[in-house]
N, C-alpha and C. Protein backbone atom coordinates (compact mmCIF):
# COMPACT_ATOMS: atom_id res chain seq x y z
N MET A 1 19.75 -33.41 5.81
CA MET A 1 19.32 -31.54 6.65
C MET A 1 18.06 -32.09 7.19
N ASP A 2 18.18 -31.14 8.57
CA ASP A 2 16.89 -31.16 8.85
C ASP A 2 15.97 -30.15 8.49
N GLU A 3 14.51 -30.22 8.73
CA GLU A 3 13.93 -29.17 8.18
C GLU A 3 13.50 -28.04 9.46
N PRO A 4 13.28 -27.11 9.31
CA PRO A 4 13.24 -26.26 10.81
C PRO A 4 11.86 -26.51 10.99
N ASP A 5 11.45 -26.61 12.47
CA ASP A 5 10.24 -26.43 12.43
C ASP A 5 9.11 -25.32 12.42
N SER A 6 10.01 -23.89 12.64
CA SER A 6 9.11 -22.84 11.80
C SER A 6 9.42 -22.34 10.98
N PRO A 7 8.47 -21.34 10.36
CA PRO A 7 9.06 -21.00 9.10
C PRO A 7 10.42 -19.71 9.41
N PRO A 8 11.10 -19.39 8.75
CA PRO A 8 12.09 -17.84 9.02
C PRO A 8 11.32 -17.13 9.19
N SER A 9 11.88 -15.98 9.89
CA SER A 9 11.72 -14.94 10.33
C SER A 9 10.68 -13.93 9.09
N GLY A 10 12.18 -13.83 8.30
CA GLY A 10 12.19 -13.11 7.03
C GLY A 10 10.88 -13.75 6.10
N GLY A 11 10.66 -13.02 5.09
CA GLY A 11 9.47 -13.45 4.05
C GLY A 11 8.67 -12.74 3.87
N LEU A 12 7.70 -12.62 3.17
CA LEU A 12 5.79 -12.33 3.28
C LEU A 12 5.24 -13.15 3.92
N HIS A 13 4.42 -12.23 4.45
CA HIS A 13 3.27 -12.73 4.95
C HIS A 13 1.89 -12.05 5.30
N ARG A 14 0.99 -12.51 5.68
CA ARG A 14 -0.63 -12.15 4.94
C ARG A 14 -0.43 -10.70 5.24
N ARG A 15 -0.32 -10.78 6.46
CA ARG A 15 0.14 -8.87 6.93
C ARG A 15 0.72 -7.91 5.87
N HIS A 16 1.63 -8.27 5.00
CA HIS A 16 2.26 -7.26 4.19
C HIS A 16 0.91 -7.02 3.14
N LEU A 17 -0.09 -7.72 2.55
CA LEU A 17 -0.86 -7.74 1.89
C LEU A 17 -1.18 -5.79 1.68
N PRO A 18 -1.28 -5.14 2.69
CA PRO A 18 -1.82 -3.85 2.46
C PRO A 18 -1.03 -3.07 1.44
N LEU A 19 0.60 -3.30 1.73
CA LEU A 19 1.35 -2.94 0.68
C LEU A 19 1.02 -2.89 -0.58
N LEU A 20 -0.04 -4.13 -1.26
CA LEU A 20 -0.06 -3.90 -2.64
C LEU A 20 -1.00 -2.84 -3.25
N LEU A 21 -1.84 -2.22 -2.21
CA LEU A 21 -2.86 -1.39 -2.51
C LEU A 21 -2.31 0.01 -3.13
N PRO A 22 -1.13 0.39 -2.72
CA PRO A 22 -0.14 1.66 -3.48
C PRO A 22 -0.21 1.17 -4.92
N PHE A 23 0.77 -0.15 -4.67
CA PHE A 23 0.74 -0.62 -6.45
C PHE A 23 -0.49 -0.79 -7.43
N LEU A 24 -1.91 -1.47 -6.47
CA LEU A 24 -2.76 -1.26 -7.39
C LEU A 24 -2.98 0.07 -7.46
N TRP A 25 -3.43 0.85 -6.57
CA TRP A 25 -3.68 2.64 -6.63
C TRP A 25 -3.03 2.90 -8.15
N GLN A 26 -2.21 2.72 -8.15
CA GLN A 26 -1.57 3.62 -9.39
C GLN A 26 -1.88 2.68 -10.87
N VAL A 27 -1.64 1.50 -10.70
CA VAL A 27 -1.93 0.95 -11.70
C VAL A 27 -3.41 0.34 -12.19
N GLY A 28 -4.21 0.49 -11.39
CA GLY A 28 -5.46 0.36 -11.88
C GLY A 28 -6.45 1.57 -11.86
N GLY A 29 -6.30 2.73 -10.62
CA GLY A 29 -6.64 3.68 -11.01
C GLY A 29 -6.13 5.09 -11.89
N VAL A 30 -4.85 4.85 -11.56
CA VAL A 30 -4.22 5.85 -12.62
C VAL A 30 -5.08 6.37 -14.19
N PRO A 31 -4.92 5.02 -14.86
CA PRO A 31 -5.68 5.43 -16.20
C PRO A 31 -7.33 6.14 -16.28
N TRP A 32 -7.72 5.48 -15.22
CA TRP A 32 -9.11 5.94 -14.80
C TRP A 32 -9.07 7.20 -14.56
N ALA A 33 -8.35 7.72 -13.65
CA ALA A 33 -8.19 8.99 -13.29
C ALA A 33 -7.87 10.28 -14.04
N ASN A 34 -6.98 9.28 -15.21
CA ASN A 34 -6.34 10.60 -16.21
C ASN A 34 -7.32 10.98 -17.28
N GLY A 35 -8.76 10.72 -17.16
CA GLY A 35 -9.76 10.43 -18.09
C GLY A 35 -10.55 11.57 -17.13
N VAL A 36 -10.52 11.74 -16.31
CA VAL A 36 -11.41 12.48 -15.24
C VAL A 36 -11.84 14.14 -15.51
N ALA A 37 -12.42 14.51 -16.14
CA ALA A 37 -12.15 16.26 -16.46
C ALA A 37 -12.39 17.20 -15.03
N TRP A 38 -13.17 16.78 -14.17
CA TRP A 38 -13.37 17.57 -13.13
C TRP A 38 -11.57 18.01 -12.32
N ARG A 39 -11.81 19.08 -12.09
CA ARG A 39 -10.60 20.11 -11.94
C ARG A 39 -10.66 20.92 -10.16
N PRO A 40 -10.89 19.98 -9.28
CA PRO A 40 -10.87 20.87 -8.17
C PRO A 40 -10.12 21.56 -7.57
N TRP A 41 -10.43 22.65 -7.29
CA TRP A 41 -9.56 23.82 -6.92
C TRP A 41 -8.44 24.28 -8.03
N HIS A 42 -8.98 24.00 -9.34
CA HIS A 42 -8.45 24.25 -10.85
C HIS A 42 -7.20 23.54 -10.90
N MET A 43 -6.84 22.91 -10.24
CA MET A 43 -5.89 21.40 -10.77
C MET A 43 -6.67 20.18 -11.10
N PRO A 44 -5.22 19.96 -12.07
CA PRO A 44 -6.13 18.60 -12.50
C PRO A 44 -6.45 17.37 -12.04
N PHE A 45 -7.76 16.64 -11.73
CA PHE A 45 -8.17 15.72 -11.46
C PHE A 45 -6.89 14.11 -10.80
N LEU A 46 -6.05 14.38 -11.95
CA LEU A 46 -4.85 13.01 -11.81
C LEU A 46 -4.06 13.52 -10.61
N LEU A 47 -3.76 15.04 -10.65
CA LEU A 47 -2.55 15.52 -9.66
C LEU A 47 -3.25 15.61 -8.01
N LEU A 48 -4.45 15.34 -7.85
CA LEU A 48 -5.51 14.98 -6.32
C LEU A 48 -5.21 13.33 -6.51
N TRP A 49 -5.49 12.80 -7.35
CA TRP A 49 -5.40 11.03 -7.47
C TRP A 49 -4.23 10.72 -6.87
N GLU A 50 -3.35 11.16 -7.35
CA GLU A 50 -1.93 11.12 -7.11
C GLU A 50 -1.63 11.91 -5.57
N LEU A 51 -2.03 12.39 -5.30
CA LEU A 51 -1.56 12.87 -3.36
C LEU A 51 -2.46 12.65 -3.10
N ALA A 52 -3.95 12.28 -3.26
CA ALA A 52 -4.50 11.16 -2.47
C ALA A 52 -3.63 9.62 -2.27
N GLY A 53 -2.85 9.18 -3.47
CA GLY A 53 -2.15 7.96 -3.39
C GLY A 53 -1.37 8.14 -2.25
N VAL A 54 -0.32 9.08 -2.07
CA VAL A 54 0.54 9.46 -0.96
C VAL A 54 -0.14 9.41 0.25
N VAL A 55 -1.34 9.98 0.28
CA VAL A 55 -1.95 9.68 1.59
C VAL A 55 -2.03 7.67 1.88
N VAL A 56 -2.53 7.00 0.87
CA VAL A 56 -2.90 5.77 1.00
C VAL A 56 -2.20 4.93 1.28
N ALA A 57 -0.91 5.26 0.43
CA ALA A 57 0.56 4.58 0.94
C ALA A 57 1.43 4.56 2.21
N SER A 58 0.87 5.95 2.73
CA SER A 58 1.48 5.87 4.18
C SER A 58 0.24 5.15 5.02
N LEU A 59 -0.38 5.68 4.53
CA LEU A 59 -1.60 4.84 6.04
C LEU A 59 -1.35 3.26 5.92
N ALA A 60 -1.30 2.79 4.38
CA ALA A 60 -0.75 1.03 4.07
C ALA A 60 0.53 0.96 4.96
N ILE A 61 1.39 1.57 4.79
CA ILE A 61 2.51 1.58 5.59
C ILE A 61 2.70 1.46 7.18
N ALA A 62 1.76 2.61 7.46
CA ALA A 62 1.31 2.58 9.05
C ALA A 62 0.91 1.41 9.85
N LEU A 63 -0.19 0.56 9.04
CA LEU A 63 -0.71 -0.25 9.04
C LEU A 63 0.56 -1.40 9.34
N VAL A 64 0.59 -1.64 8.49
CA VAL A 64 1.86 -2.63 8.37
C VAL A 64 2.83 -2.72 9.24
N TYR A 65 3.41 -1.60 9.59
CA TYR A 65 3.73 -1.26 10.77
C TYR A 65 3.39 -1.98 12.00
N ARG A 66 2.40 -1.51 12.66
CA ARG A 66 1.64 -1.91 13.58
C ARG A 66 1.60 -3.41 13.11
N LEU A 67 0.79 -4.07 12.76
CA LEU A 67 1.02 -5.44 12.35
C LEU A 67 1.94 -6.01 12.27
N ASP A 68 3.35 -5.74 11.97
CA ASP A 68 4.82 -6.71 12.26
C ASP A 68 5.04 -6.32 13.77
N ALA A 69 4.46 -4.99 14.07
CA ALA A 69 5.22 -4.44 15.81
C ALA A 69 4.27 -5.89 16.57
N ALA A 70 3.00 -5.71 16.51
CA ALA A 70 2.35 -6.88 16.99
C ALA A 70 2.62 -8.22 16.96
N ALA A 71 2.82 -8.47 15.78
CA ALA A 71 3.73 -10.20 15.59
C ALA A 71 4.77 -10.64 16.01
N ALA A 72 5.37 -9.57 16.24
CA ALA A 72 6.95 -9.60 17.09
C ALA A 72 6.99 -10.65 17.91
N PRO A 73 7.80 -11.60 18.21
CA PRO A 73 7.98 -12.06 19.85
C PRO A 73 8.17 -11.13 20.67
N ARG A 74 7.91 -10.95 21.87
CA ARG A 74 8.17 -10.17 22.51
C ARG A 74 9.31 -10.68 24.02
């Protein structure tokens, strides 16, 4: 069998690394955020942390989308 000259188009690339940020946000930050006693706007800090995580995840997805579009052959 012949080996292809270029890698297949599917699979993970370095430009997909920002997608790890939401996972790390949850795994690493939630145990810390759960212990914070500060209650902004009379809501638990953990809820604010989760809402910020949604924004961070959306930004990470948008960044990877732009990077994928820039790397696509034209």
